[in-house]
Amino acid sequence: MEEKDIIRRNIRLKAFFKALSLDVEIYGNINTPAIIYNDSLVLSCYVKNFDLIFTDAPKGGVEQFRYKLLHNQEFNEQQIDLINNWLHNYTHRPCFRVMVTGTNLYLAGFNFINKERTPENQYPVFSEFGFRYYFDINYAQGIIDDYSSDTLNLELV
């Protein structure tokens, strides 16, 4: 697919979940975005061209059903029930954020003191939006361990 088609598809993907009143974030690679629900779960679904494919588990799950992503997505009660059942009864992968304790600030990236990209030369940047999601709890915990201090208390959410 061309980039303009991928952008159009991802706009429809976001609109699909908005039509269901589900809070999702389209995150990561625009070609294969992670669909993050309520800032805490990577939904077990993926896009292929303009199809949204729902699976029973993350990473290699079996397809349960699919929808074509349309310009004006509408749902009947049966479709809403099917998607809600999938959302609440199938396995989805957790994701994590690094937060400054007592604030609404989350790790959004790193700036570097010089061109050498080593931990000693980088410092974290925090924001209320545009933050990073981590799919490996140990990796996220490692960032907390590396950057927490007496003046910067970080936690995993």
C-alpha atoms as a PDB file:
ATOM      1  CA  MET A   1       0.000   0.000   0.000  1.00  0.00           C
ATOM      2  CA  GLU A   2       1.101   3.549  -0.643  1.00  0.00           C
ATOM      3  CA  GLU A   3       1.703   5.858   2.311  1.00  0.00           C
ATOM      4  CA  LYS A   4      -1.412   7.960   1.584  1.00  0.00           C
ATOM      5  CA  ASP A   5      -3.525   4.773   1.652  1.00  0.00           C
ATOM      6  CA  ILE A   6      -1.935   3.669   4.915  1.00  0.00           C
ATOM      7  CA  ILE A   7      -2.692   7.053   6.473  1.00  0.00           C
ATOM      8  CA  ARG A   8      -6.289   6.882   5.238  1.00  0.00           C
ATOM      9  CA  ARG A   9      -6.624   3.320   6.556  1.00  0.00           C
ATOM     10  CA  ASN A  10      -5.288   4.309   9.981  1.00  0.00           C
ATOM     11  CA  ILE A  11      -7.732   7.227  10.165  1.00  0.00           C
ATOM     12  CA  ARG A  12     -10.527   4.731   9.487  1.00  0.00           C
ATOM     13  CA  LEU A  13      -9.073   2.370  12.079  1.00  0.00           C
ATOM     14  CA  LYS A  14      -9.243   5.062  14.763  1.00  0.00           C
ATOM     15  CA  ALA A  15     -12.776   6.017  13.617  1.00  0.00           C
ATOM     16  CA  PHE A  16     -13.850   2.351  13.840  1.00  0.00           C
ATOM     17  CA  PHE A  17     -13.175   2.247  17.567  1.00  0.00           C
ATOM     18  CA  LYS A  18     -14.495   5.775  18.121  1.00  0.00           C
ATOM     19  CA  ALA A  19     -17.830   4.675  16.595  1.00  0.00           C
ATOM     20  CA  LEU A  20     -17.904   1.977  19.292  1.00  0.00           C
ATOM     21  CA  SER A  21     -17.041   4.542  22.013  1.00  0.00           C
ATOM     22  CA  LEU A  22     -13.832   2.651  22.799  1.00  0.00           C
ATOM     23  CA  ASP A  23     -10.773   4.644  23.854  1.00  0.00           C
ATOM     24  CA  VAL A  24      -7.916   3.396  21.671  1.00  0.00           C
ATOM     25  CA  GLU A  25      -4.561   4.731  20.588  1.00  0.00           C
ATOM     26  CA  ILE A  26      -3.026   3.733  17.269  1.00  0.00           C
ATOM     27  CA  TYR A  27       0.641   3.356  18.207  1.00  0.00           C
ATOM     28  CA  GLY A  28       3.938   2.543  16.591  1.00  0.00           C
ATOM     29  CA  ASN A  29       4.709   1.647  13.011  1.00  0.00           C
ATOM     30  CA  ILE A  30       2.043   3.067  10.675  1.00  0.00           C
ATOM     31  CA  ASN A  31       2.197  -0.111   8.584  1.00  0.00           C
ATOM     32  CA  THR A  32       1.545  -2.444  11.520  1.00  0.00           C
ATOM     33  CA  PRO A  33       0.212  -0.314  14.373  1.00  0.00           C
ATOM     34  CA  ALA A  34      -0.506  -1.619  17.835  1.00  0.00           C
ATOM     35  CA  ILE A  35      -4.055  -0.847  18.917  1.00  0.00           C
ATOM     36  CA  ILE A  36      -3.918   0.153  22.570  1.00  0.00           C
ATOM     37  CA  TYR A  37      -7.079   0.174  24.666  1.00  0.00           C
ATOM     38  CA  ASN A  38      -7.387   2.322  27.806  1.00  0.00           C
ATOM     39  CA  ASP A  39      -3.609   2.903  27.855  1.00  0.00           C
ATOM     40  CA  SER A  40      -3.114  -0.614  29.236  1.00  0.00           C
ATOM     41  CA  LEU A  41      -3.886  -3.371  26.699  1.00  0.00           C
ATOM     42  CA  VAL A  42      -2.685  -4.122  23.203  1.00  0.00           C
ATOM     43  CA  LEU A  43      -5.774  -5.521  21.549  1.00  0.00           C
ATOM     44  CA  SER A  44      -5.529  -8.882  19.799  1.00  0.00           C
ATOM     45  CA  CYS A  45      -6.312  -7.562  16.365  1.00  0.00           C
ATOM     46  CA  TYR A  46      -4.406  -6.242  13.380  1.00  0.00           C
ATOM     47  CA  VAL A  47      -4.964  -4.485  10.084  1.00  0.00           C
ATOM     48  CA  LYS A  48      -4.271  -5.895   6.663  1.00  0.00           C
ATOM     49  CA  ASN A  49      -5.008  -3.474   3.860  1.00  0.00           C
ATOM     50  CA  PHE A  50      -8.450  -2.116   4.876  1.00  0.00           C
ATOM     51  CA  ASP A  51      -9.486  -5.179   6.906  1.00  0.00           C
ATOM     52  CA  LEU A  52      -9.452  -5.212  10.701  1.00  0.00           C
ATOM     53  CA  ILE A  53      -8.867  -8.795  11.800  1.00  0.00           C
ATOM     54  CA  PHE A  54      -9.824  -9.848  15.340  1.00  0.00           C
ATOM     55  CA  THR A  55      -7.964 -12.815  16.857  1.00  0.00           C
ATOM     56  CA  ASP A  56      -8.364 -14.896  20.006  1.00  0.00           C
ATOM     57  CA  ALA A  57      -4.892 -14.131  21.375  1.00  0.00           C
ATOM     58  CA  PRO A  58      -1.894 -11.874  20.731  1.00  0.00           C
ATOM     59  CA  LYS A  59       0.929 -12.882  18.393  1.00  0.00           C
ATOM     60  CA  GLY A  60      -0.329 -15.661  16.181  1.00  0.00           C
ATOM     61  CA  GLY A  61      -3.857 -15.921  17.526  1.00  0.00           C
ATOM     62  CA  VAL A  62      -6.570 -17.534  15.426  1.00  0.00           C
ATOM     63  CA  GLU A  63      -8.839 -15.207  13.459  1.00  0.00           C
ATOM     64  CA  GLN A  64     -12.307 -14.924  15.002  1.00  0.00           C
ATOM     65  CA  PHE A  65     -13.895 -12.380  12.658  1.00  0.00           C
ATOM     66  CA  ARG A  66     -13.042  -9.346  10.536  1.00  0.00           C
ATOM     67  CA  TYR A  67     -14.475  -6.019   9.433  1.00  0.00           C
ATOM     68  CA  LYS A  68     -13.803  -3.878   6.404  1.00  0.00           C
ATOM     69  CA  LEU A  69     -12.736  -0.392   7.530  1.00  0.00           C
ATOM     70  CA  LEU A  70     -15.228   1.994   5.966  1.00  0.00           C
ATOM     71  CA  HIS A  71     -15.421   5.769   5.684  1.00  0.00           C
ATOM     72  CA  ASN A  72     -18.623   5.932   7.766  1.00  0.00           C
ATOM     73  CA  GLN A  73     -18.550   2.897  10.016  1.00  0.00           C
ATOM     74  CA  GLU A  74     -21.895   1.870  11.494  1.00  0.00           C
ATOM     75  CA  PHE A  75     -22.745  -1.071  13.723  1.00  0.00           C
ATOM     76  CA  ASN A  76     -25.891  -2.971  14.563  1.00  0.00           C
ATOM     77  CA  GLU A  77     -26.548  -4.374  18.041  1.00  0.00           C
ATOM     78  CA  GLN A  78     -25.340  -7.861  17.098  1.00  0.00           C
ATOM     79  CA  GLN A  79     -21.998  -6.500  15.825  1.00  0.00           C
ATOM     80  CA  ILE A  80     -21.536  -4.406  18.970  1.00  0.00           C
ATOM     81  CA  ASP A  81     -22.225  -7.463  21.137  1.00  0.00           C
ATOM     82  CA  LEU A  82     -19.729  -9.540  19.126  1.00  0.00           C
ATOM     83  CA  ILE A  83     -16.971  -6.947  19.540  1.00  0.00           C
ATOM     84  CA  ASN A  84     -17.721  -6.407  23.244  1.00  0.00           C
ATOM     85  CA  ASN A  85     -17.632 -10.169  23.825  1.00  0.00           C
ATOM     86  CA  TRP A  86     -14.268 -10.339  22.071  1.00  0.00           C
ATOM     87  CA  LEU A  87     -12.942  -7.365  24.052  1.00  0.00           C
ATOM     88  CA  HIS A  88     -13.891  -8.816  27.439  1.00  0.00           C
ATOM     89  CA  ASN A  89     -13.464 -12.563  26.907  1.00  0.00           C
ATOM     90  CA  TYR A  90     -10.367 -13.014  24.759  1.00  0.00           C
ATOM     91  CA  THR A  91      -6.708 -12.593  25.645  1.00  0.00           C
ATOM     92  CA  HIS A  92      -5.052  -9.222  25.059  1.00  0.00           C
ATOM     93  CA  ARG A  93      -1.452  -8.271  25.819  1.00  0.00           C
ATOM     94  CA  PRO A  94      -0.696  -5.775  28.605  1.00  0.00           C
ATOM     95  CA  CYS A  95       1.379  -2.677  27.941  1.00  0.00           C
ATOM     96  CA  PHE A  96       3.004  -0.259  30.338  1.00  0.00           C
ATOM     97  CA  ARG A  97       3.973   3.380  30.749  1.00  0.00           C
ATOM     98  CA  VAL A  98       6.593   5.031  32.930  1.00  0.00           C
ATOM     99  CA  MET A  99       5.095   7.861  34.992  1.00  0.00           C
ATOM    100  CA  VAL A 100       6.540  10.518  37.288  1.00  0.00           C
ATOM    101  CA  THR A 101       4.857   9.693  40.602  1.00  0.00           C
ATOM    102  CA  GLY A 102       2.149  12.143  41.631  1.00  0.00           C
ATOM    103  CA  THR A 103       1.876  13.807  38.215  1.00  0.00           C
ATOM    104  CA  ASN A 104       0.266  13.283  34.818  1.00  0.00           C
ATOM    105  CA  LEU A 105       3.681  13.124  33.167  1.00  0.00           C
ATOM    106  CA  TYR A 106       4.810  10.028  31.300  1.00  0.00           C
ATOM    107  CA  LEU A 107       8.081   9.135  29.633  1.00  0.00           C
ATOM    108  CA  ALA A 108       7.905  10.458  26.065  1.00  0.00           C
ATOM    109  CA  GLY A 109      11.486   9.937  24.956  1.00  0.00           C
ATOM    110  CA  PHE A 110      15.073  10.891  25.588  1.00  0.00           C
ATOM    111  CA  ASN A 111      17.330  13.821  24.782  1.00  0.00           C
ATOM    112  CA  PHE A 112      21.067  13.423  24.443  1.00  0.00           C
ATOM    113  CA  ILE A 113      23.801  15.587  25.920  1.00  0.00           C
ATOM    114  CA  ASN A 114      26.078  14.835  22.966  1.00  0.00           C
ATOM    115  CA  LYS A 115      26.049  12.622  19.902  1.00  0.00           C
ATOM    116  CA  GLU A 116      27.176   9.571  21.841  1.00  0.00           C
ATOM    117  CA  ARG A 117      23.981   7.609  22.557  1.00  0.00           C
ATOM    118  CA  THR A 118      24.909   6.011  25.844  1.00  0.00           C
ATOM    119  CA  PRO A 119      22.834   5.948  29.057  1.00  0.00           C
ATOM    120  CA  GLU A 120      25.249   8.390  30.682  1.00  0.00           C
ATOM    121  CA  ASN A 121      24.627  10.916  27.896  1.00  0.00           C
ATOM    122  CA  GLN A 122      20.860  10.749  27.719  1.00  0.00           C
ATOM    123  CA  TYR A 123      18.137  12.091  29.928  1.00  0.00           C
ATOM    124  CA  PRO A 124      14.409  11.323  29.964  1.00  0.00           C
ATOM    125  CA  VAL A 125      11.731  13.692  28.670  1.00  0.00           C
ATOM    126  CA  PHE A 126       8.231  13.560  30.165  1.00  0.00           C
ATOM    127  CA  SER A 127       4.901  14.705  28.731  1.00  0.00           C
ATOM    128  CA  GLU A 128       1.152  14.436  29.270  1.00  0.00           C
ATOM    129  CA  PHE A 129       0.728  13.232  25.687  1.00  0.00           C
ATOM    130  CA  GLY A 130       2.831  11.577  23.030  1.00  0.00           C
ATOM    131  CA  PHE A 131       4.254   9.210  25.631  1.00  0.00           C
ATOM    132  CA  ARG A 132       5.817   5.819  25.033  1.00  0.00           C
ATOM    133  CA  TYR A 133       4.235   2.461  25.643  1.00  0.00           C
ATOM    134  CA  TYR A 134       6.363  -0.503  26.637  1.00  0.00           C
ATOM    135  CA  PHE A 135       5.394  -4.063  25.819  1.00  0.00           C
ATOM    136  CA  ASP A 136       7.998  -5.707  28.054  1.00  0.00           C
ATOM    137  CA  ILE A 137       7.522  -5.093  31.788  1.00  0.00           C
ATOM    138  CA  ASN A 138      11.172  -5.880  32.550  1.00  0.00           C
ATOM    139  CA  TYR A 139      12.405  -3.320  30.034  1.00  0.00           C
ATOM    140  CA  ALA A 140      10.092  -0.651  31.490  1.00  0.00           C
ATOM    141  CA  GLN A 141      11.180  -1.546  35.025  1.00  0.00           C
ATOM    142  CA  GLY A 142      14.806  -1.219  33.913  1.00  0.00           C
ATOM    143  CA  ILE A 143      14.148   2.364  32.798  1.00  0.00           C
ATOM    144  CA  ILE A 144      12.598   3.110  36.188  1.00  0.00           C
ATOM    145  CA  ASP A 145      15.597   1.593  37.961  1.00  0.00           C
ATOM    146  CA  ASP A 146      18.048   3.544  35.770  1.00  0.00           C
ATOM    147  CA  TYR A 147      16.412   6.966  36.074  1.00  0.00           C
ATOM    148  CA  SER A 148      14.679   7.090  39.467  1.00  0.00           C
ATOM    149  CA  SER A 149      16.477   9.229  42.015  1.00  0.00           C
ATOM    150  CA  ASP A 150      15.884  11.137  45.233  1.00  0.00           C
ATOM    151  CA  THR A 151      14.352  13.972  43.191  1.00  0.00           C
ATOM    152  CA  LEU A 152      12.692  11.921  40.419  1.00  0.00           C
ATOM    153  CA  ASN A 153      10.386   9.134  41.525  1.00  0.00           C
ATOM    154  CA  LEU A 154       9.192   6.985  38.634  1.00  0.00           C
ATOM    155  CA  GLU A 155       6.568   4.258  38.647  1.00  0.00           C
ATOM    156  CA  LEU A 156       5.108   1.712  36.273  1.00  0.00           C
ATOM    157  CA  VAL A 157       1.491   2.123  35.192  1.00  0.00           C
END
